[in-house]
Structures are given as C-alpha cells and as structure tokens.
Amino acid sequence: MTDRALVVVRSGALTTVQDRGRPGYAHLGVPRSGVLDGPAAALVNRLVGNPPEAAVLETTLDGCAVRPRSTVTVAVGGAPCPVRVGGRPAAWGAPVLVREGELLEVGAATAGVRAYLAVSGGIAVEPVLGSRATDLLSGLGPAPLTDGTVLPLGAPAGPPARVDGVPQPRPPAGLVLRVTPGPRADWFTAGAVRTLTTRAYRVSPASNRIGLRTEGPPLERARPGELPSEGVVLGAVQVPPDGRPVVFLADHPTTGGYPVIAVVRAADLPAAAQALPGTPVRFVPVRRR
C-alpha cells in the first residue's frame, strides 16, 4: 500500500477527478471531458509545482474533505471557499502544506460553483485513453468520488510556487458569451436569432457538466421536423424542442439531433463553469475569426 495517497473523508455533492481531458476521439463517440474551468485548474497545479496536465479534484458547490497518507502541498482555487487544515483556517489560492494524517477541508463555495484542489504529484488514477478525467456522460475514467475512496498520488514534479497568493477572477455576476453563427442558424427565424442576441437569459438549475441550460424566451424554428444526428463541438448552442438554448460543456455528446444556432467562443466557457443558477446570461454576436 503506497503512502502517497489521499483518503476521501467527505466526497461532497459531486467531486470528480479531472485533467485536460481526452481530445481527438470524437470520431469514436468519446467526448473530450476534462476540467470545466481550465484556467483555475492550471493555476492550482502551478501553485503546487505540478505540470498543467496533472489531474486535480473538481468539486461542486459544497466542496470535499480528504486526508493524505503523507505530507503534501495543496492549493485550492476556482470558486472562492473556506479552506481548513487540521481544523485551522488555511489559505485559498496559495500553496498550503498538509502533513500526514491531517484533515484538509474544502468548504462550500461562497461564490461560483466549482473549486479545484491540486495536490503535489497530481492524482495518479489509471488513465483511460490517455486521460484521468471522469466523463459523466460516457462513464469513462474513475467514478465520482465517494466517502472512503483512496486516490493514489504521483511523485512531485517540482517545488511549490514561491508566492503567498495570486489573483483569480471572481465568478461572474453576469455571464457574457460571445457567439458566432452555428451550422443550423438557418433552421431558425430571423426573429429567433435576434431574440438570442438581444434578450436576457438566466442559468437554469438543470445545468451540469454536459451543458449549461438556460431559462428565457424560446427561439422559434423556421423549419419543422427532425434533424439527422450530426457532430457537435464544445460551446455549441443547441436548441431542444422547448426552444431554450443549451450551451454544451466538457462532457457534451459528440453528436446531437437538435439544431445548433450558434457556437460560444472557447475563451468564455470557463466563466460558464462558475455561473450559479439564476445568473443573467447574454449572448453577444461577434464575427468569425
């Protein structure tokens, strides 16, 4: 039994192992998956001396608690939240030493949705198709964490960053998503396209790692009938029969049968990962690059 491991004491609402995902397998029906807030995950990895591709823990809303079997350096970022080590307050957004057997508690988010926990050496679960990411849609990768799960850790790759803390963007009070026309924009009326880019929407509580669902005015179709299933990309804005746009996130399917009216720029998706239900959403049209 290795002493480089984490024992999950409290798994939280949804805590998964994530890395940069498994791109390049869409032709096999395998989604990319991976962290939803890439900049936050890369930052906490850098703080503990890990390479950016190291696997981290992604928590949802109420955090998690873990106990290392050896002394490790950790960093918590993404959604702001209280951090405690051995019952004492510890820094958020900075490297923190956690000694063997001490309890590390990542508390509930005070803003945003997803916090990221990096541990020196990275989470070293067995990779699947080159990635350690949990994919909730396909079931690839490790299962979401449960109490008592033991996670192996890799060997530290480098020293922690020599900083007390670093700036991190706060979760959005309002979400602005820049969009270009999608491949099936002609399946919608001109009024629907205008509604998408001028009216206000809100993040739906039904949102998850597969897609950010919205509440707001429905979009009117110009064409009735069914659309044959076709490939969809990260950030695609698909419109199901209820007319409310859905923005596809990391665990999205590789094909879909509803028309895609627009595509969100990849740079805007990390903010979508931190948008709480009820957050106002605006879709802003921009030119294709």
C-alpha atoms as a PDB file:
ATOM      1  CA  MET A   1       0.000   0.000   0.000  1.00  0.00           C
ATOM      2  CA  THR A   2       1.526   3.300  -1.141  1.00  0.00           C
ATOM      3  CA  ASP A   3       1.872   6.117   1.355  1.00  0.00           C
ATOM      4  CA  ARG A   4       1.380   8.654  -1.449  1.00  0.00           C
ATOM      5  CA  ALA A   5      -2.389   8.711  -1.487  1.00  0.00           C
ATOM      6  CA  LEU A   6      -5.435  10.701  -0.439  1.00  0.00           C
ATOM      7  CA  VAL A   7      -8.310   9.185   1.505  1.00  0.00           C
ATOM      8  CA  VAL A   8     -11.674  10.807   0.778  1.00  0.00           C
ATOM      9  CA  VAL A   9     -13.409  11.597   4.071  1.00  0.00           C
ATOM     10  CA  ARG A  10     -16.292  13.653   2.621  1.00  0.00           C
ATOM     11  CA  SER A  11     -16.968  13.438  -1.098  1.00  0.00           C
ATOM     12  CA  GLY A  12     -19.440  16.319  -1.325  1.00  0.00           C
ATOM     13  CA  ALA A  13     -22.300  16.754  -3.785  1.00  0.00           C
ATOM     14  CA  LEU A  14     -20.159  15.892  -6.821  1.00  0.00           C
ATOM     15  CA  THR A  15     -16.383  15.650  -6.762  1.00  0.00           C
ATOM     16  CA  THR A  16     -14.570  14.169  -9.739  1.00  0.00           C
ATOM     17  CA  VAL A  17     -11.018  13.630 -10.937  1.00  0.00           C
ATOM     18  CA  GLN A  18     -10.313  15.870 -13.932  1.00  0.00           C
ATOM     19  CA  ASP A  19      -7.409  16.859 -16.167  1.00  0.00           C
ATOM     20  CA  ARG A  20      -7.250  18.378 -19.646  1.00  0.00           C
ATOM     21  CA  GLY A  21      -9.497  15.630 -20.996  1.00  0.00           C
ATOM     22  CA  ARG A  22      -9.189  13.261 -23.926  1.00  0.00           C
ATOM     23  CA  PRO A  23      -9.411  15.268 -27.183  1.00  0.00           C
ATOM     24  CA  GLY A  24      -9.132  13.571 -30.530  1.00  0.00           C
ATOM     25  CA  TYR A  25     -11.621  10.748 -30.032  1.00  0.00           C
ATOM     26  CA  ALA A  26     -14.859  12.360 -31.226  1.00  0.00           C
ATOM     27  CA  HIS A  27     -14.839  10.093 -34.294  1.00  0.00           C
ATOM     28  CA  LEU A  28     -15.160   7.183 -31.845  1.00  0.00           C
ATOM     29  CA  GLY A  29     -18.012   8.827 -29.968  1.00  0.00           C
ATOM     30  CA  VAL A  30     -15.807   9.772 -26.976  1.00  0.00           C
ATOM     31  CA  PRO A  31     -16.313  13.300 -25.589  1.00  0.00           C
ATOM     32  CA  ARG A  32     -13.378  15.462 -24.587  1.00  0.00           C
ATOM     33  CA  SER A  33     -14.415  15.835 -20.918  1.00  0.00           C
ATOM     34  CA  GLY A  34     -11.815  17.368 -18.542  1.00  0.00           C
ATOM     35  CA  VAL A  35     -11.944  20.380 -16.225  1.00  0.00           C
ATOM     36  CA  LEU A  36     -14.686  22.915 -16.879  1.00  0.00           C
ATOM     37  CA  ASP A  37     -12.641  25.866 -15.605  1.00  0.00           C
ATOM     38  CA  GLY A  38      -9.293  25.271 -17.301  1.00  0.00           C
ATOM     39  CA  PRO A  39      -7.501  28.438 -16.114  1.00  0.00           C
ATOM     40  CA  ALA A  40      -8.395  27.730 -12.463  1.00  0.00           C
ATOM     41  CA  ALA A  41      -7.137  24.142 -12.669  1.00  0.00           C
ATOM     42  CA  ALA A  42      -3.909  25.178 -14.406  1.00  0.00           C
ATOM     43  CA  LEU A  43      -3.272  27.815 -11.742  1.00  0.00           C
ATOM     44  CA  VAL A  44      -3.644  25.483  -8.738  1.00  0.00           C
ATOM     45  CA  ASN A  45      -1.389  22.963 -10.474  1.00  0.00           C
ATOM     46  CA  ARG A  46       1.251  25.653 -10.958  1.00  0.00           C
ATOM     47  CA  LEU A  47       0.987  26.670  -7.303  1.00  0.00           C
ATOM     48  CA  VAL A  48       1.911  23.163  -6.089  1.00  0.00           C
ATOM     49  CA  GLY A  49       4.640  22.577  -8.702  1.00  0.00           C
ATOM     50  CA  ASN A  50       2.653  20.276 -10.986  1.00  0.00           C
ATOM     51  CA  PRO A  51       2.658  20.394 -14.790  1.00  0.00           C
ATOM     52  CA  PRO A  52      -0.584  21.836 -16.226  1.00  0.00           C
ATOM     53  CA  GLU A  53      -1.782  18.419 -17.397  1.00  0.00           C
ATOM     54  CA  ALA A  54      -1.743  16.892 -13.876  1.00  0.00           C
ATOM     55  CA  ALA A  55      -5.090  15.592 -12.620  1.00  0.00           C
ATOM     56  CA  VAL A  56      -6.915  17.572  -9.929  1.00  0.00           C
ATOM     57  CA  LEU A  57     -10.171  17.271  -7.993  1.00  0.00           C
ATOM     58  CA  GLU A  58     -13.136  19.306  -9.216  1.00  0.00           C
ATOM     59  CA  THR A  59     -15.770  19.927  -6.526  1.00  0.00           C
ATOM     60  CA  THR A  60     -19.331  21.170  -6.994  1.00  0.00           C
ATOM     61  CA  LEU A  61     -20.900  23.728  -4.644  1.00  0.00           C
ATOM     62  CA  ASP A  62     -20.180  22.147  -1.238  1.00  0.00           C
ATOM     63  CA  GLY A  63     -16.503  21.088  -1.509  1.00  0.00           C
ATOM     64  CA  CYS A  64     -14.981  17.925  -0.050  1.00  0.00           C
ATOM     65  CA  ALA A  65     -12.616  16.714   2.670  1.00  0.00           C
ATOM     66  CA  VAL A  66      -9.548  14.479   2.237  1.00  0.00           C
ATOM     67  CA  ARG A  67      -6.748  13.113   4.399  1.00  0.00           C
ATOM     68  CA  PRO A  68      -3.259  12.493   2.921  1.00  0.00           C
ATOM     69  CA  ARG A  69      -1.199   9.466   3.910  1.00  0.00           C
ATOM     70  CA  SER A  70       1.991  11.509   3.546  1.00  0.00           C
ATOM     71  CA  THR A  71       2.896  15.191   3.782  1.00  0.00           C
ATOM     72  CA  VAL A  72       1.807  17.039   0.635  1.00  0.00           C
ATOM     73  CA  THR A  73       1.452  20.554  -0.726  1.00  0.00           C
ATOM     74  CA  VAL A  74      -2.018  21.514  -1.878  1.00  0.00           C
ATOM     75  CA  ALA A  75      -3.727  24.515  -3.435  1.00  0.00           C
ATOM     76  CA  VAL A  76      -7.425  25.310  -3.738  1.00  0.00           C
ATOM     77  CA  GLY A  77      -8.755  27.698  -6.393  1.00  0.00           C
ATOM     78  CA  GLY A  78     -11.642  28.306  -8.740  1.00  0.00           C
ATOM     79  CA  ALA A  79     -14.782  29.114  -6.750  1.00  0.00           C
ATOM     80  CA  PRO A  80     -13.849  31.025  -3.560  1.00  0.00           C
ATOM     81  CA  CYS A  81     -14.408  28.867  -0.469  1.00  0.00           C
ATOM     82  CA  PRO A  82     -13.093  28.399   3.082  1.00  0.00           C
ATOM     83  CA  VAL A  83     -10.153  26.017   3.480  1.00  0.00           C
ATOM     84  CA  ARG A  84      -9.175  24.314   6.733  1.00  0.00           C
ATOM     85  CA  VAL A  85      -6.225  22.078   7.607  1.00  0.00           C
ATOM     86  CA  GLY A  86      -6.378  20.138  10.851  1.00  0.00           C
ATOM     87  CA  GLY A  87      -9.355  22.253  11.909  1.00  0.00           C
ATOM     88  CA  ARG A  88      -7.468  25.541  11.400  1.00  0.00           C
ATOM     89  CA  PRO A  89      -8.177  28.116   8.662  1.00  0.00           C
ATOM     90  CA  ALA A  90      -5.762  27.900   5.722  1.00  0.00           C
ATOM     91  CA  ALA A  91      -5.160  29.979   2.608  1.00  0.00           C
ATOM     92  CA  TRP A  92      -7.284  29.772  -0.511  1.00  0.00           C
ATOM     93  CA  GLY A  93      -5.458  30.433  -3.788  1.00  0.00           C
ATOM     94  CA  ALA A  94      -1.985  29.718  -2.357  1.00  0.00           C
ATOM     95  CA  PRO A  95       0.269  26.709  -1.653  1.00  0.00           C
ATOM     96  CA  VAL A  96      -0.508  25.068   1.704  1.00  0.00           C
ATOM     97  CA  LEU A  97       1.425  22.283   3.468  1.00  0.00           C
ATOM     98  CA  VAL A  98      -0.758  19.436   4.752  1.00  0.00           C
ATOM     99  CA  ARG A  99       1.038  16.935   6.974  1.00  0.00           C
ATOM    100  CA  GLU A 100       0.463  13.202   7.010  1.00  0.00           C
ATOM    101  CA  GLY A 101      -2.917  12.379   8.556  1.00  0.00           C
ATOM    102  CA  GLU A 102      -4.198  15.972   8.765  1.00  0.00           C
ATOM    103  CA  LEU A 103      -7.707  16.617   7.504  1.00  0.00           C
ATOM    104  CA  LEU A 104      -7.941  19.031   4.573  1.00  0.00           C
ATOM    105  CA  GLU A 105     -11.407  20.538   4.253  1.00  0.00           C
ATOM    106  CA  VAL A 106     -12.556  22.392   1.143  1.00  0.00           C
ATOM    107  CA  GLY A 107     -15.697  24.219   2.218  1.00  0.00           C
ATOM    108  CA  ALA A 108     -18.831  25.275   0.386  1.00  0.00           C
ATOM    109  CA  ALA A 109     -18.358  27.847  -2.366  1.00  0.00           C
ATOM    110  CA  THR A 110     -19.096  31.400  -1.257  1.00  0.00           C
ATOM    111  CA  ALA A 111     -19.375  32.414  -4.915  1.00  0.00           C
ATOM    112  CA  GLY A 112     -19.353  30.367  -8.094  1.00  0.00           C
ATOM    113  CA  VAL A 113     -19.868  26.626  -8.449  1.00  0.00           C
ATOM    114  CA  ARG A 114     -16.645  24.620  -8.871  1.00  0.00           C
ATOM    115  CA  ALA A 115     -13.492  24.621  -6.757  1.00  0.00           C
ATOM    116  CA  TYR A 116     -10.274  22.889  -7.796  1.00  0.00           C
ATOM    117  CA  LEU A 117      -7.916  21.028  -5.461  1.00  0.00           C
ATOM    118  CA  ALA A 118      -4.397  20.307  -6.703  1.00  0.00           C
ATOM    119  CA  VAL A 119      -2.016  18.061  -4.752  1.00  0.00           C
ATOM    120  CA  SER A 120       1.739  17.872  -5.318  1.00  0.00           C
ATOM    121  CA  GLY A 121       2.353  14.960  -7.671  1.00  0.00           C
ATOM    122  CA  GLY A 122      -1.180  15.033  -9.078  1.00  0.00           C
ATOM    123  CA  ILE A 123      -3.978  12.495  -8.749  1.00  0.00           C
ATOM    124  CA  ALA A 124      -2.491   9.329 -10.275  1.00  0.00           C
ATOM    125  CA  VAL A 125      -5.525   7.162 -11.016  1.00  0.00           C
ATOM    126  CA  GLU A 126      -5.166   4.870 -14.029  1.00  0.00           C
ATOM    127  CA  PRO A 127      -5.590   6.824 -17.302  1.00  0.00           C
ATOM    128  CA  VAL A 128      -8.198   5.798 -19.872  1.00  0.00           C
ATOM    129  CA  LEU A 129      -7.485   6.797 -23.484  1.00  0.00           C
ATOM    130  CA  GLY A 130      -4.663   8.996 -22.242  1.00  0.00           C
ATOM    131  CA  SER A 131      -6.673  10.898 -19.628  1.00  0.00           C
ATOM    132  CA  ARG A 132      -7.602  10.525 -15.963  1.00  0.00           C
ATOM    133  CA  ALA A 133     -10.766  12.612 -16.383  1.00  0.00           C
ATOM    134  CA  THR A 134     -14.156  11.453 -15.157  1.00  0.00           C
ATOM    135  CA  ASP A 135     -16.682  11.664 -18.003  1.00  0.00           C
ATOM    136  CA  LEU A 136     -20.200  11.669 -16.601  1.00  0.00           C
ATOM    137  CA  LEU A 137     -21.835  11.102 -19.992  1.00  0.00           C
ATOM    138  CA  SER A 138     -19.810   8.147 -21.304  1.00  0.00           C
ATOM    139  CA  GLY A 139     -18.766   6.690 -17.941  1.00  0.00           C
ATOM    140  CA  LEU A 140     -15.082   6.699 -18.888  1.00  0.00           C
ATOM    141  CA  GLY A 141     -12.478   7.401 -16.206  1.00  0.00           C
ATOM    142  CA  PRO A 142     -12.843   6.999 -12.451  1.00  0.00           C
ATOM    143  CA  ALA A 143     -16.295   7.130 -10.891  1.00  0.00           C
ATOM    144  CA  PRO A 144     -17.319  10.280  -8.999  1.00  0.00           C
ATOM    145  CA  LEU A 145     -15.746  10.167  -5.543  1.00  0.00           C
ATOM    146  CA  THR A 146     -17.464   8.516  -2.611  1.00  0.00           C
ATOM    147  CA  ASP A 147     -16.541   8.554   1.079  1.00  0.00           C
ATOM    148  CA  GLY A 148     -13.650   6.176   1.697  1.00  0.00           C
ATOM    149  CA  THR A 149     -12.213   6.315  -1.832  1.00  0.00           C
ATOM    150  CA  VAL A 150      -8.403   6.106  -1.868  1.00  0.00           C
ATOM    151  CA  LEU A 151      -6.707   8.135  -4.600  1.00  0.00           C
ATOM    152  CA  PRO A 152      -3.060   7.406  -5.456  1.00  0.00           C
ATOM    153  CA  LEU A 153      -0.725  10.377  -5.903  1.00  0.00           C
ATOM    154  CA  GLY A 154       2.186  10.772  -8.298  1.00  0.00           C
ATOM    155  CA  ALA A 155       5.704  11.848  -7.393  1.00  0.00           C
ATOM    156  CA  PRO A 156       6.158  15.623  -7.000  1.00  0.00           C
ATOM    157  CA  ALA A 157       7.423  17.180 -10.238  1.00  0.00           C
ATOM    158  CA  GLY A 158       8.765  20.427  -8.833  1.00  0.00           C
ATOM    159  CA  PRO A 159       8.751  22.800  -5.866  1.00  0.00           C
ATOM    160  CA  PRO A 160       5.652  24.821  -4.951  1.00  0.00           C
ATOM    161  CA  ALA A 161       5.383  28.332  -6.335  1.00  0.00           C
ATOM    162  CA  ARG A 162       7.068  30.982  -4.173  1.00  0.00           C
ATOM    163  CA  VAL A 163       4.019  33.178  -3.702  1.00  0.00           C
ATOM    164  CA  ASP A 164       1.649  33.953  -0.866  1.00  0.00           C
ATOM    165  CA  GLY A 165      -1.323  34.104  -3.195  1.00  0.00           C
ATOM    166  CA  VAL A 166      -2.247  35.032  -6.751  1.00  0.00           C
ATOM    167  CA  PRO A 167      -5.139  36.971  -8.294  1.00  0.00           C
ATOM    168  CA  GLN A 168      -8.008  34.832  -9.552  1.00  0.00           C
ATOM    169  CA  PRO A 169     -11.114  36.083 -11.370  1.00  0.00           C
ATOM    170  CA  ARG A 170     -14.272  36.065  -9.310  1.00  0.00           C
ATOM    171  CA  PRO A 171     -17.241  34.078 -10.610  1.00  0.00           C
ATOM    172  CA  PRO A 172     -19.410  36.188 -12.895  1.00  0.00           C
ATOM    173  CA  ALA A 173     -22.312  38.270 -11.610  1.00  0.00           C
ATOM    174  CA  GLY A 174     -23.474  38.278 -15.227  1.00  0.00           C
ATOM    175  CA  LEU A 175     -22.344  35.871 -17.937  1.00  0.00           C
ATOM    176  CA  VAL A 176     -21.417  37.295 -21.340  1.00  0.00           C
ATOM    177  CA  LEU A 177     -20.985  34.634 -24.019  1.00  0.00           C
ATOM    178  CA  ARG A 178     -19.614  35.696 -27.405  1.00  0.00           C
ATOM    179  CA  VAL A 179     -21.154  33.666 -30.221  1.00  0.00           C
ATOM    180  CA  THR A 180     -20.698  33.119 -33.935  1.00  0.00           C
ATOM    181  CA  PRO A 181     -23.461  31.690 -36.154  1.00  0.00           C
ATOM    182  CA  GLY A 182     -23.900  27.940 -35.875  1.00  0.00           C
ATOM    183  CA  PRO A 183     -24.205  25.448 -38.733  1.00  0.00           C
ATOM    184  CA  ARG A 184     -28.005  25.329 -38.403  1.00  0.00           C
ATOM    185  CA  ALA A 185     -28.779  29.016 -37.832  1.00  0.00           C
ATOM    186  CA  ASP A 186     -30.966  28.832 -40.957  1.00  0.00           C
ATOM    187  CA  TRP A 187     -33.315  26.469 -39.102  1.00  0.00           C
ATOM    188  CA  PHE A 188     -34.461  29.487 -37.053  1.00  0.00           C
ATOM    189  CA  THR A 189     -36.413  32.611 -37.918  1.00  0.00           C
ATOM    190  CA  ALA A 190     -34.651  35.962 -38.143  1.00  0.00           C
ATOM    191  CA  GLY A 191     -36.628  36.923 -35.048  1.00  0.00           C
ATOM    192  CA  ALA A 192     -35.219  33.957 -33.130  1.00  0.00           C
ATOM    193  CA  VAL A 193     -31.641  34.932 -33.972  1.00  0.00           C
ATOM    194  CA  ARG A 194     -32.423  38.487 -32.856  1.00  0.00           C
ATOM    195  CA  THR A 195     -34.011  37.202 -29.641  1.00  0.00           C
ATOM    196  CA  LEU A 196     -30.932  35.112 -28.819  1.00  0.00           C
ATOM    197  CA  THR A 197     -28.582  38.074 -29.158  1.00  0.00           C
ATOM    198  CA  THR A 198     -30.728  40.828 -27.641  1.00  0.00           C
ATOM    199  CA  ARG A 199     -32.843  39.282 -24.883  1.00  0.00           C
ATOM    200  CA  ALA A 200     -31.740  38.250 -21.398  1.00  0.00           C
ATOM    201  CA  TYR A 201     -31.487  34.633 -20.295  1.00  0.00           C
ATOM    202  CA  ARG A 202     -30.670  33.032 -16.926  1.00  0.00           C
ATOM    203  CA  VAL A 203     -28.672  29.965 -15.948  1.00  0.00           C
ATOM    204  CA  SER A 204     -31.033  27.080 -15.205  1.00  0.00           C
ATOM    205  CA  PRO A 205     -30.664  24.887 -12.089  1.00  0.00           C
ATOM    206  CA  ALA A 206     -30.728  21.916 -14.506  1.00  0.00           C
ATOM    207  CA  SER A 207     -27.226  22.820 -15.765  1.00  0.00           C
ATOM    208  CA  ASN A 208     -24.424  20.296 -15.308  1.00  0.00           C
ATOM    209  CA  ARG A 209     -21.061  19.250 -16.757  1.00  0.00           C
ATOM    210  CA  ILE A 210     -22.777  18.266 -20.004  1.00  0.00           C
ATOM    211  CA  GLY A 211     -24.406  21.596 -20.695  1.00  0.00           C
ATOM    212  CA  LEU A 212     -25.340  24.996 -19.338  1.00  0.00           C
ATOM    213  CA  ARG A 213     -29.105  25.146 -19.690  1.00  0.00           C
ATOM    214  CA  THR A 214     -30.872  28.474 -19.834  1.00  0.00           C
ATOM    215  CA  GLU A 215     -34.233  29.942 -18.901  1.00  0.00           C
ATOM    216  CA  GLY A 216     -35.722  32.721 -21.007  1.00  0.00           C
ATOM    217  CA  PRO A 217     -37.627  33.388 -24.227  1.00  0.00           C
ATOM    218  CA  PRO A 218     -37.920  30.345 -26.521  1.00  0.00           C
ATOM    219  CA  LEU A 219     -36.415  30.501 -30.008  1.00  0.00           C
ATOM    220  CA  GLU A 220     -38.797  29.986 -32.922  1.00  0.00           C
ATOM    221  CA  ARG A 221     -37.868  27.453 -35.576  1.00  0.00           C
ATOM    222  CA  ALA A 222     -38.189  28.307 -39.282  1.00  0.00           C
ATOM    223  CA  ARG A 223     -38.132  24.621 -40.210  1.00  0.00           C
ATOM    224  CA  PRO A 224     -40.283  21.924 -38.613  1.00  0.00           C
ATOM    225  CA  GLY A 225     -39.350  18.282 -38.441  1.00  0.00           C
ATOM    226  CA  GLU A 226     -36.359  16.279 -37.328  1.00  0.00           C
ATOM    227  CA  LEU A 227     -32.664  16.945 -37.895  1.00  0.00           C
ATOM    228  CA  PRO A 228     -30.443  13.898 -38.501  1.00  0.00           C
ATOM    229  CA  SER A 229     -27.890  13.460 -35.740  1.00  0.00           C
ATOM    230  CA  GLU A 230     -24.637  15.259 -36.565  1.00  0.00           C
ATOM    231  CA  GLY A 231     -21.379  16.200 -34.896  1.00  0.00           C
ATOM    232  CA  VAL A 232     -21.344  18.968 -32.292  1.00  0.00           C
ATOM    233  CA  VAL A 233     -18.430  20.833 -30.737  1.00  0.00           C
ATOM    234  CA  LEU A 234     -17.565  22.284 -27.346  1.00  0.00           C
ATOM    235  CA  GLY A 235     -19.517  25.524 -26.912  1.00  0.00           C
ATOM    236  CA  ALA A 236     -22.238  24.602 -29.391  1.00  0.00           C
ATOM    237  CA  VAL A 237     -25.572  26.297 -28.580  1.00  0.00           C
ATOM    238  CA  GLN A 238     -28.163  23.624 -29.242  1.00  0.00           C
ATOM    239  CA  VAL A 239     -31.886  24.340 -29.133  1.00  0.00           C
ATOM    240  CA  PRO A 240     -34.110  21.444 -27.946  1.00  0.00           C
ATOM    241  CA  PRO A 241     -37.887  21.337 -28.571  1.00  0.00           C
ATOM    242  CA  ASP A 242     -38.671  23.720 -25.678  1.00  0.00           C
ATOM    243  CA  GLY A 243     -36.766  26.461 -27.538  1.00  0.00           C
ATOM    244  CA  ARG A 244     -34.376  27.319 -24.662  1.00  0.00           C
ATOM    245  CA  PRO A 245     -30.684  27.361 -25.645  1.00  0.00           C
ATOM    246  CA  VAL A 246     -28.252  24.839 -24.136  1.00  0.00           C
ATOM    247  CA  VAL A 247     -24.503  25.568 -24.219  1.00  0.00           C
ATOM    248  CA  PHE A 248     -22.506  22.342 -24.488  1.00  0.00           C
ATOM    249  CA  LEU A 249     -19.705  21.984 -21.921  1.00  0.00           C
ATOM    250  CA  ALA A 250     -16.898  19.448 -21.413  1.00  0.00           C
ATOM    251  CA  ASP A 251     -18.987  16.263 -21.098  1.00  0.00           C
ATOM    252  CA  HIS A 252     -21.201  17.060 -24.094  1.00  0.00           C
ATOM    253  CA  PRO A 253     -22.138  14.301 -26.557  1.00  0.00           C
ATOM    254  CA  THR A 254     -20.182  14.085 -29.801  1.00  0.00           C
ATOM    255  CA  THR A 255     -23.368  14.104 -31.903  1.00  0.00           C
ATOM    256  CA  GLY A 256     -26.769  15.675 -31.438  1.00  0.00           C
ATOM    257  CA  GLY A 257     -30.115  15.764 -33.180  1.00  0.00           C
ATOM    258  CA  TYR A 258     -31.244  19.306 -32.355  1.00  0.00           C
ATOM    259  CA  PRO A 259     -30.167  22.313 -34.448  1.00  0.00           C
ATOM    260  CA  VAL A 260     -27.154  24.360 -33.347  1.00  0.00           C
ATOM    261  CA  ILE A 261     -27.956  28.056 -33.701  1.00  0.00           C
ATOM    262  CA  ALA A 262     -24.585  29.409 -32.538  1.00  0.00           C
ATOM    263  CA  VAL A 263     -21.202  28.488 -31.061  1.00  0.00           C
ATOM    264  CA  VAL A 264     -19.700  30.133 -27.963  1.00  0.00           C
ATOM    265  CA  ARG A 265     -16.046  31.130 -28.075  1.00  0.00           C
ATOM    266  CA  ALA A 266     -13.904  28.737 -26.047  1.00  0.00           C
ATOM    267  CA  ALA A 267     -12.388  31.594 -24.006  1.00  0.00           C
ATOM    268  CA  ASP A 268     -15.810  32.336 -22.482  1.00  0.00           C
ATOM    269  CA  LEU A 269     -16.576  28.791 -21.302  1.00  0.00           C
ATOM    270  CA  PRO A 270     -14.551  28.811 -18.035  1.00  0.00           C
ATOM    271  CA  ALA A 271     -16.813  31.582 -16.732  1.00  0.00           C
ATOM    272  CA  ALA A 272     -19.833  29.463 -17.685  1.00  0.00           C
ATOM    273  CA  ALA A 273     -18.464  26.725 -15.402  1.00  0.00           C
ATOM    274  CA  GLN A 274     -18.723  29.092 -12.420  1.00  0.00           C
ATOM    275  CA  ALA A 275     -22.146  30.629 -13.149  1.00  0.00           C
ATOM    276  CA  LEU A 276     -24.696  29.857 -10.445  1.00  0.00           C
ATOM    277  CA  PRO A 277     -28.349  29.121 -11.259  1.00  0.00           C
ATOM    278  CA  GLY A 278     -30.141  32.415 -11.829  1.00  0.00           C
ATOM    279  CA  THR A 279     -27.048  34.187 -13.192  1.00  0.00           C
ATOM    280  CA  PRO A 280     -28.040  36.502 -16.082  1.00  0.00           C
ATOM    281  CA  VAL A 281     -26.736  35.357 -19.481  1.00  0.00           C
ATOM    282  CA  ARG A 282     -26.220  37.466 -22.599  1.00  0.00           C
ATOM    283  CA  PHE A 283     -25.282  36.043 -25.988  1.00  0.00           C
ATOM    284  CA  VAL A 284     -23.237  38.631 -27.880  1.00  0.00           C
ATOM    285  CA  PRO A 285     -22.683  38.183 -31.636  1.00  0.00           C
ATOM    286  CA  VAL A 286     -19.122  38.528 -32.941  1.00  0.00           C
ATOM    287  CA  ARG A 287     -17.516  37.919 -36.311  1.00  0.00           C
ATOM    288  CA  ARG A 288     -15.818  34.687 -37.160  1.00  0.00           C
ATOM    289  CA  ARG A 289     -12.069  34.908 -36.893  1.00  0.00           C
END
